[in-house]
Amino acid sequence: MRSSFDRLRHAVSFEILALLLMVPLGALAFHEPVQDIGVLGLVGATLATLWNLVYNLGFDMVLRRRTGSTLKSLPVRILHAVLFELGLLVALMPFIAWYLGVSPWRALAMDASFALFYVVYGFAFNWGYDRLFPLPEWQETPGTA
């Protein structure tokens, strides 16, 4: 399993790159000021970073207990990304509605759009991170890292 340092590096680099992409794209897509999307992004990134640390540790522990390894197949990677975003969706939707003063439905649509972005981004980032920083245990097991 990954070390605490590696998990922190992963979480922080994930969120920094995501903010650099999400803030300008979100401002364009939702016709909201960049500053407002930036605040949503910073609050979301802070919450997501904490969630990332807890969620990935828990997911890896369950995966290792069930399979004996933390090596993730394509279906497991998809499940990993979707479950992560569902957790954030529940936490962030009320904040978006309150901060922007929008209806819960608009906040849900915005949050779902952000979640869709992050599912795709999270899948790509995590796959790339695992290839850039593979664990020694994966060298012994043939399959996709």
N, C-alpha and C. Protein backbone atom coordinates (compact mmCIF):
# COMPACT_ATOMS: atom_id res chain seq x y z
N MET A 1 0.84 -1.19 0.00
CA MET A 1 0.00 0.00 0.00
C MET A 1 0.88 1.25 0.00
N ARG A 2 0.29 2.35 -0.35
CA ARG A 2 1.03 3.61 -0.44
C ARG A 2 1.36 4.16 0.94
N SER A 3 2.48 4.86 1.02
CA SER A 3 2.89 5.51 2.26
C SER A 3 2.04 6.76 2.49
N SER A 4 2.11 7.28 3.71
CA SER A 4 1.39 8.52 4.02
C SER A 4 1.89 9.67 3.16
N PHE A 5 3.21 9.76 2.95
CA PHE A 5 3.76 10.81 2.09
C PHE A 5 3.23 10.69 0.67
N ASP A 6 3.22 9.47 0.14
CA ASP A 6 2.74 9.25 -1.22
C ASP A 6 1.27 9.62 -1.33
N ARG A 7 0.46 9.27 -0.34
CA ARG A 7 -0.97 9.62 -0.36
C ARG A 7 -1.17 11.13 -0.31
N LEU A 8 -0.35 11.82 0.48
CA LEU A 8 -0.45 13.28 0.55
C LEU A 8 -0.04 13.91 -0.77
N ARG A 9 1.08 13.44 -1.36
CA ARG A 9 1.53 13.94 -2.67
C ARG A 9 0.44 13.73 -3.71
N HIS A 10 -0.16 12.57 -3.70
CA HIS A 10 -1.23 12.24 -4.65
C HIS A 10 -2.40 13.20 -4.49
N ALA A 11 -2.88 13.37 -3.26
CA ALA A 11 -4.06 14.19 -3.01
C ALA A 11 -3.82 15.65 -3.38
N VAL A 12 -2.69 16.19 -2.98
CA VAL A 12 -2.40 17.61 -3.25
C VAL A 12 -2.19 17.86 -4.74
N SER A 13 -1.42 17.01 -5.40
CA SER A 13 -1.20 17.21 -6.84
C SER A 13 -2.49 17.02 -7.63
N PHE A 14 -3.33 16.09 -7.20
CA PHE A 14 -4.63 15.89 -7.83
C PHE A 14 -5.45 17.16 -7.79
N GLU A 15 -5.54 17.77 -6.62
CA GLU A 15 -6.40 18.94 -6.44
C GLU A 15 -5.84 20.19 -7.12
N ILE A 16 -4.54 20.38 -7.09
CA ILE A 16 -3.96 21.56 -7.74
C ILE A 16 -4.20 21.52 -9.24
N LEU A 17 -3.92 20.39 -9.87
CA LEU A 17 -4.14 20.27 -11.31
C LEU A 17 -5.63 20.39 -11.65
N ALA A 18 -6.47 19.80 -10.82
CA ALA A 18 -7.92 19.88 -11.07
C ALA A 18 -8.40 21.33 -11.02
N LEU A 19 -7.94 22.10 -10.04
CA LEU A 19 -8.35 23.51 -9.94
C LEU A 19 -7.92 24.31 -11.15
N LEU A 20 -6.71 24.04 -11.62
CA LEU A 20 -6.22 24.76 -12.80
C LEU A 20 -7.09 24.50 -14.03
N LEU A 21 -7.70 23.35 -14.08
CA LEU A 21 -8.58 23.01 -15.20
C LEU A 21 -10.03 23.42 -14.93
N MET A 22 -10.52 23.12 -13.74
CA MET A 22 -11.95 23.26 -13.43
C MET A 22 -12.42 24.70 -13.29
N VAL A 23 -11.65 25.57 -12.70
CA VAL A 23 -12.13 26.93 -12.44
C VAL A 23 -12.45 27.68 -13.74
N PRO A 24 -11.54 27.76 -14.70
CA PRO A 24 -11.92 28.48 -15.93
C PRO A 24 -13.01 27.75 -16.72
N LEU A 25 -12.97 26.43 -16.74
CA LEU A 25 -14.01 25.69 -17.47
C LEU A 25 -15.37 25.86 -16.80
N GLY A 26 -15.42 25.83 -15.47
CA GLY A 26 -16.67 26.01 -14.74
C GLY A 26 -17.25 27.41 -14.93
N ALA A 27 -16.39 28.43 -14.91
CA ALA A 27 -16.86 29.80 -15.13
C ALA A 27 -17.47 29.96 -16.51
N LEU A 28 -16.85 29.35 -17.51
CA LEU A 28 -17.40 29.41 -18.87
C LEU A 28 -18.70 28.63 -18.99
N ALA A 29 -18.73 27.45 -18.44
CA ALA A 29 -19.89 26.58 -18.60
C ALA A 29 -21.13 27.11 -17.87
N PHE A 30 -20.95 27.72 -16.70
CA PHE A 30 -22.09 28.12 -15.89
C PHE A 30 -22.33 29.61 -15.88
N HIS A 31 -21.54 30.36 -16.64
CA HIS A 31 -21.71 31.82 -16.73
C HIS A 31 -21.71 32.45 -15.34
N GLU A 32 -20.79 32.01 -14.52
CA GLU A 32 -20.60 32.55 -13.18
C GLU A 32 -19.23 33.20 -13.13
N PRO A 33 -19.04 34.18 -12.27
CA PRO A 33 -17.72 34.82 -12.16
C PRO A 33 -16.64 33.80 -11.78
N VAL A 34 -15.47 34.00 -12.33
CA VAL A 34 -14.33 33.12 -12.04
C VAL A 34 -14.07 33.07 -10.54
N GLN A 35 -14.24 34.23 -9.86
CA GLN A 35 -13.99 34.28 -8.43
C GLN A 35 -14.94 33.34 -7.67
N ASP A 36 -16.21 33.33 -8.06
CA ASP A 36 -17.18 32.46 -7.39
C ASP A 36 -16.87 30.98 -7.65
N ILE A 37 -16.55 30.66 -8.88
CA ILE A 37 -16.18 29.28 -9.19
C ILE A 37 -14.88 28.92 -8.48
N GLY A 38 -13.99 29.91 -8.36
CA GLY A 38 -12.75 29.69 -7.62
C GLY A 38 -12.99 29.36 -6.16
N VAL A 39 -13.93 30.09 -5.52
CA VAL A 39 -14.26 29.78 -4.12
C VAL A 39 -14.87 28.38 -4.02
N LEU A 40 -15.81 28.07 -4.93
CA LEU A 40 -16.38 26.72 -4.94
C LEU A 40 -15.27 25.68 -5.13
N GLY A 41 -14.35 26.00 -6.02
CA GLY A 41 -13.24 25.08 -6.29
C GLY A 41 -12.35 24.88 -5.08
N LEU A 42 -12.03 25.97 -4.38
CA LEU A 42 -11.16 25.86 -3.20
C LEU A 42 -11.85 25.11 -2.05
N VAL A 43 -13.12 25.41 -1.81
CA VAL A 43 -13.85 24.69 -0.76
C VAL A 43 -13.98 23.21 -1.16
N GLY A 44 -14.34 23.00 -2.43
CA GLY A 44 -14.47 21.62 -2.91
C GLY A 44 -13.14 20.88 -2.86
N ALA A 45 -12.05 21.56 -3.24
CA ALA A 45 -10.73 20.92 -3.23
C ALA A 45 -10.29 20.58 -1.82
N THR A 46 -10.58 21.47 -0.88
CA THR A 46 -10.20 21.20 0.51
C THR A 46 -10.96 19.99 1.04
N LEU A 47 -12.27 19.99 0.83
CA LEU A 47 -13.08 18.85 1.25
C LEU A 47 -12.65 17.58 0.50
N ALA A 48 -12.42 17.72 -0.79
CA ALA A 48 -12.04 16.55 -1.59
C ALA A 48 -10.68 16.00 -1.19
N THR A 49 -9.76 16.87 -0.81
CA THR A 49 -8.44 16.40 -0.38
C THR A 49 -8.56 15.56 0.88
N LEU A 50 -9.35 16.05 1.82
CA LEU A 50 -9.56 15.27 3.05
C LEU A 50 -10.28 13.96 2.73
N TRP A 51 -11.31 14.04 1.90
CA TRP A 51 -12.06 12.85 1.48
C TRP A 51 -11.14 11.89 0.73
N ASN A 52 -10.28 12.43 -0.12
CA ASN A 52 -9.34 11.62 -0.91
C ASN A 52 -8.45 10.78 0.01
N LEU A 53 -7.91 11.41 1.03
CA LEU A 53 -7.02 10.70 1.95
C LEU A 53 -7.76 9.56 2.66
N VAL A 54 -8.94 9.86 3.17
CA VAL A 54 -9.71 8.86 3.90
C VAL A 54 -10.25 7.79 2.95
N TYR A 55 -10.86 8.22 1.85
CA TYR A 55 -11.49 7.30 0.91
C TYR A 55 -10.49 6.33 0.29
N ASN A 56 -9.36 6.85 -0.20
CA ASN A 56 -8.40 5.98 -0.86
C ASN A 56 -7.77 4.98 0.10
N LEU A 57 -7.52 5.40 1.33
CA LEU A 57 -7.01 4.45 2.32
C LEU A 57 -8.04 3.35 2.58
N GLY A 58 -9.28 3.75 2.79
CA GLY A 58 -10.34 2.77 3.03
C GLY A 58 -10.57 1.85 1.84
N PHE A 59 -10.59 2.44 0.64
CA PHE A 59 -10.81 1.64 -0.56
C PHE A 59 -9.69 0.62 -0.73
N ASP A 60 -8.44 1.06 -0.55
CA ASP A 60 -7.30 0.15 -0.69
C ASP A 60 -7.32 -0.95 0.38
N MET A 61 -7.72 -0.60 1.58
CA MET A 61 -7.79 -1.61 2.64
C MET A 61 -8.83 -2.68 2.30
N VAL A 62 -9.99 -2.24 1.84
CA VAL A 62 -11.04 -3.19 1.46
C VAL A 62 -10.60 -4.02 0.26
N LEU A 63 -10.01 -3.36 -0.73
CA LEU A 63 -9.54 -4.08 -1.93
C LEU A 63 -8.49 -5.12 -1.57
N ARG A 64 -7.54 -4.74 -0.73
CA ARG A 64 -6.48 -5.68 -0.34
C ARG A 64 -7.07 -6.84 0.46
N ARG A 65 -8.03 -6.55 1.33
CA ARG A 65 -8.66 -7.62 2.12
C ARG A 65 -9.43 -8.58 1.22
N ARG A 66 -10.09 -8.04 0.19
CA ARG A 66 -10.91 -8.89 -0.68
C ARG A 66 -10.10 -9.63 -1.73
N THR A 67 -9.02 -8.99 -2.24
CA THR A 67 -8.29 -9.59 -3.37
C THR A 67 -6.84 -9.94 -3.04
N GLY A 68 -6.32 -9.44 -1.93
CA GLY A 68 -4.93 -9.69 -1.58
C GLY A 68 -3.97 -8.70 -2.21
N SER A 69 -4.47 -7.72 -2.94
CA SER A 69 -3.63 -6.74 -3.61
C SER A 69 -4.39 -5.43 -3.74
N THR A 70 -3.65 -4.34 -4.00
CA THR A 70 -4.29 -3.05 -4.28
C THR A 70 -4.26 -2.74 -5.78
N LEU A 71 -3.84 -3.70 -6.58
CA LEU A 71 -3.84 -3.53 -8.03
C LEU A 71 -5.29 -3.39 -8.51
N LYS A 72 -5.56 -2.37 -9.30
CA LYS A 72 -6.92 -2.07 -9.74
C LYS A 72 -7.12 -2.41 -11.21
N SER A 73 -8.12 -3.23 -11.47
CA SER A 73 -8.51 -3.53 -12.85
C SER A 73 -9.33 -2.36 -13.38
N LEU A 74 -9.66 -2.37 -14.65
CA LEU A 74 -10.46 -1.30 -15.24
C LEU A 74 -11.83 -1.18 -14.55
N PRO A 75 -12.57 -2.27 -14.34
CA PRO A 75 -13.85 -2.11 -13.65
C PRO A 75 -13.70 -1.57 -12.22
N VAL A 76 -12.66 -1.98 -11.52
CA VAL A 76 -12.43 -1.48 -10.16
C VAL A 76 -12.08 0.00 -10.20
N ARG A 77 -11.31 0.43 -11.19
CA ARG A 77 -10.98 1.86 -11.33
C ARG A 77 -12.24 2.69 -11.58
N ILE A 78 -13.13 2.17 -12.39
CA ILE A 78 -14.38 2.89 -12.67
C ILE A 78 -15.21 2.99 -11.40
N LEU A 79 -15.36 1.88 -10.67
CA LEU A 79 -16.09 1.89 -9.41
C LEU A 79 -15.45 2.86 -8.41
N HIS A 80 -14.14 2.84 -8.33
CA HIS A 80 -13.39 3.72 -7.44
C HIS A 80 -13.72 5.19 -7.72
N ALA A 81 -13.67 5.59 -8.97
CA ALA A 81 -13.92 6.98 -9.35
C ALA A 81 -15.37 7.39 -9.09
N VAL A 82 -16.31 6.52 -9.44
CA VAL A 82 -17.73 6.85 -9.28
C VAL A 82 -18.10 6.98 -7.80
N LEU A 83 -17.67 6.04 -6.97
CA LEU A 83 -17.99 6.11 -5.54
C LEU A 83 -17.37 7.33 -4.87
N PHE A 84 -16.16 7.68 -5.28
CA PHE A 84 -15.52 8.87 -4.73
C PHE A 84 -16.36 10.11 -5.02
N GLU A 85 -16.80 10.25 -6.27
CA GLU A 85 -17.56 11.44 -6.66
C GLU A 85 -18.95 11.47 -6.04
N LEU A 86 -19.57 10.33 -5.85
CA LEU A 86 -20.88 10.31 -5.20
C LEU A 86 -20.78 10.85 -3.77
N GLY A 87 -19.72 10.49 -3.07
CA GLY A 87 -19.52 11.01 -1.72
C GLY A 87 -19.38 12.52 -1.71
N LEU A 88 -18.63 13.05 -2.66
CA LEU A 88 -18.47 14.51 -2.74
C LEU A 88 -19.76 15.21 -3.17
N LEU A 89 -20.51 14.59 -4.05
CA LEU A 89 -21.77 15.17 -4.52
C LEU A 89 -22.70 15.44 -3.35
N VAL A 90 -22.83 14.49 -2.47
CA VAL A 90 -23.70 14.63 -1.30
C VAL A 90 -23.21 15.77 -0.39
N ALA A 91 -21.91 15.91 -0.26
CA ALA A 91 -21.37 16.92 0.65
C ALA A 91 -21.40 18.33 0.06
N LEU A 92 -21.17 18.46 -1.25
CA LEU A 92 -21.00 19.79 -1.84
C LEU A 92 -22.28 20.46 -2.35
N MET A 93 -23.29 19.72 -2.71
CA MET A 93 -24.49 20.32 -3.29
C MET A 93 -25.13 21.38 -2.40
N PRO A 94 -25.30 21.14 -1.11
CA PRO A 94 -25.89 22.20 -0.27
C PRO A 94 -25.02 23.46 -0.21
N PHE A 95 -23.69 23.30 -0.20
CA PHE A 95 -22.82 24.46 -0.16
C PHE A 95 -22.94 25.27 -1.44
N ILE A 96 -22.99 24.61 -2.59
CA ILE A 96 -23.13 25.32 -3.87
C ILE A 96 -24.42 26.13 -3.89
N ALA A 97 -25.53 25.53 -3.47
CA ALA A 97 -26.82 26.23 -3.46
C ALA A 97 -26.76 27.46 -2.56
N TRP A 98 -26.18 27.30 -1.38
CA TRP A 98 -26.09 28.42 -0.44
C TRP A 98 -25.16 29.51 -0.95
N TYR A 99 -23.96 29.15 -1.38
CA TYR A 99 -22.96 30.14 -1.74
C TYR A 99 -23.37 30.95 -2.97
N LEU A 100 -23.90 30.29 -3.98
CA LEU A 100 -24.29 31.00 -5.20
C LEU A 100 -25.72 31.54 -5.13
N GLY A 101 -26.47 31.13 -4.12
CA GLY A 101 -27.85 31.58 -4.01
C GLY A 101 -28.71 31.05 -5.14
N VAL A 102 -28.47 29.80 -5.50
CA VAL A 102 -29.23 29.18 -6.59
C VAL A 102 -30.14 28.11 -6.01
N SER A 103 -31.08 27.67 -6.83
CA SER A 103 -32.01 26.63 -6.39
C SER A 103 -31.25 25.32 -6.16
N PRO A 104 -31.81 24.46 -5.34
CA PRO A 104 -31.18 23.15 -5.15
C PRO A 104 -31.03 22.38 -6.46
N TRP A 105 -31.98 22.55 -7.38
CA TRP A 105 -31.89 21.84 -8.67
C TRP A 105 -30.72 22.35 -9.50
N ARG A 106 -30.54 23.69 -9.53
CA ARG A 106 -29.39 24.23 -10.27
C ARG A 106 -28.09 23.80 -9.60
N ALA A 107 -28.07 23.83 -8.27
CA ALA A 107 -26.87 23.38 -7.54
C ALA A 107 -26.59 21.92 -7.82
N LEU A 108 -27.63 21.10 -7.88
CA LEU A 108 -27.46 19.69 -8.19
C LEU A 108 -26.91 19.52 -9.61
N ALA A 109 -27.45 20.29 -10.56
CA ALA A 109 -26.96 20.20 -11.94
C ALA A 109 -25.49 20.63 -12.02
N MET A 110 -25.14 21.71 -11.33
CA MET A 110 -23.76 22.16 -11.32
C MET A 110 -22.86 21.12 -10.66
N ASP A 111 -23.29 20.63 -9.51
CA ASP A 111 -22.50 19.66 -8.77
C ASP A 111 -22.33 18.37 -9.59
N ALA A 112 -23.40 17.95 -10.24
CA ALA A 112 -23.31 16.74 -11.09
C ALA A 112 -22.35 16.97 -12.25
N SER A 113 -22.35 18.18 -12.80
CA SER A 113 -21.40 18.50 -13.89
C SER A 113 -19.97 18.47 -13.38
N PHE A 114 -19.75 19.07 -12.22
CA PHE A 114 -18.41 19.02 -11.62
C PHE A 114 -18.02 17.56 -11.34
N ALA A 115 -18.97 16.79 -10.83
CA ALA A 115 -18.69 15.38 -10.53
C ALA A 115 -18.33 14.61 -11.79
N LEU A 116 -19.04 14.87 -12.88
CA LEU A 116 -18.72 14.20 -14.15
C LEU A 116 -17.31 14.57 -14.61
N PHE A 117 -16.98 15.86 -14.52
CA PHE A 117 -15.62 16.28 -14.85
C PHE A 117 -14.61 15.52 -14.00
N TYR A 118 -14.88 15.47 -12.68
CA TYR A 118 -13.92 14.84 -11.78
C TYR A 118 -13.85 13.32 -11.93
N VAL A 119 -14.94 12.68 -12.33
CA VAL A 119 -14.89 11.24 -12.58
C VAL A 119 -13.91 10.95 -13.72
N VAL A 120 -14.06 11.69 -14.81
CA VAL A 120 -13.18 11.50 -15.97
C VAL A 120 -11.75 11.90 -15.60
N TYR A 121 -11.62 13.07 -14.99
CA TYR A 121 -10.31 13.55 -14.58
C TYR A 121 -9.67 12.61 -13.55
N GLY A 122 -10.45 12.17 -12.56
CA GLY A 122 -9.92 11.28 -11.53
C GLY A 122 -9.46 9.95 -12.09
N PHE A 123 -10.22 9.42 -13.02
CA PHE A 123 -9.83 8.17 -13.66
C PHE A 123 -8.48 8.35 -14.36
N ALA A 124 -8.38 9.41 -15.18
CA ALA A 124 -7.15 9.66 -15.94
C ALA A 124 -5.98 9.98 -15.01
N PHE A 125 -6.21 10.84 -14.02
CA PHE A 125 -5.13 11.22 -13.11
C PHE A 125 -4.62 10.01 -12.34
N ASN A 126 -5.53 9.23 -11.77
CA ASN A 126 -5.12 8.08 -10.96
C ASN A 126 -4.40 7.03 -11.78
N TRP A 127 -4.85 6.81 -12.99
CA TRP A 127 -4.16 5.85 -13.85
C TRP A 127 -2.75 6.36 -14.15
N GLY A 128 -2.65 7.64 -14.50
CA GLY A 128 -1.34 8.22 -14.77
C GLY A 128 -0.43 8.21 -13.54
N TYR A 129 -1.00 8.52 -12.39
CA TYR A 129 -0.22 8.53 -11.14
C TYR A 129 0.31 7.13 -10.84
N ASP A 130 -0.55 6.14 -11.00
CA ASP A 130 -0.12 4.76 -10.74
C ASP A 130 0.96 4.30 -11.70
N ARG A 131 0.93 4.80 -12.91
CA ARG A 131 1.99 4.46 -13.88
C ARG A 131 3.29 5.20 -13.55
N LEU A 132 3.16 6.45 -13.10
CA LEU A 132 4.33 7.25 -12.76
C LEU A 132 4.97 6.79 -11.44
N PHE A 133 4.13 6.38 -10.49
CA PHE A 133 4.60 5.94 -9.18
C PHE A 133 4.04 4.55 -8.85
N PRO A 134 4.45 3.51 -9.58
CA PRO A 134 3.91 2.16 -9.31
C PRO A 134 4.42 1.62 -7.98
N LEU A 135 3.62 0.79 -7.36
CA LEU A 135 4.01 0.14 -6.12
C LEU A 135 4.79 -1.14 -6.44
N PRO A 136 5.76 -1.49 -5.59
CA PRO A 136 6.54 -2.71 -5.83
C PRO A 136 5.67 -3.97 -5.93
N GLU A 137 4.57 -4.02 -5.16
CA GLU A 137 3.72 -5.21 -5.18
C GLU A 137 3.09 -5.45 -6.56
N TRP A 138 2.98 -4.39 -7.36
CA TRP A 138 2.37 -4.55 -8.68
C TRP A 138 3.34 -5.16 -9.68
N GLN A 139 4.62 -5.10 -9.40
CA GLN A 139 5.62 -5.66 -10.30
C GLN A 139 5.52 -7.18 -10.34
N GLU A 140 5.01 -7.75 -9.27
CA GLU A 140 4.92 -9.20 -9.16
C GLU A 140 3.65 -9.75 -9.81
N THR A 141 2.65 -8.90 -10.05
CA THR A 141 1.37 -9.33 -10.56
C THR A 141 1.18 -8.84 -11.98
N PRO A 142 1.02 -9.77 -12.95
CA PRO A 142 0.74 -9.30 -14.31
C PRO A 142 -0.67 -8.69 -14.36
N GLY A 143 -0.83 -7.71 -15.20
CA GLY A 143 -2.13 -7.04 -15.34
C GLY A 143 -1.91 -5.56 -15.55
N THR A 144 -3.02 -4.83 -15.59
CA THR A 144 -2.92 -3.40 -15.81
C THR A 144 -2.69 -2.69 -14.50
N ALA A 145 -1.73 -1.80 -14.50
CA ALA A 145 -1.46 -0.97 -13.31
C ALA A 145 -2.38 0.16 -13.38
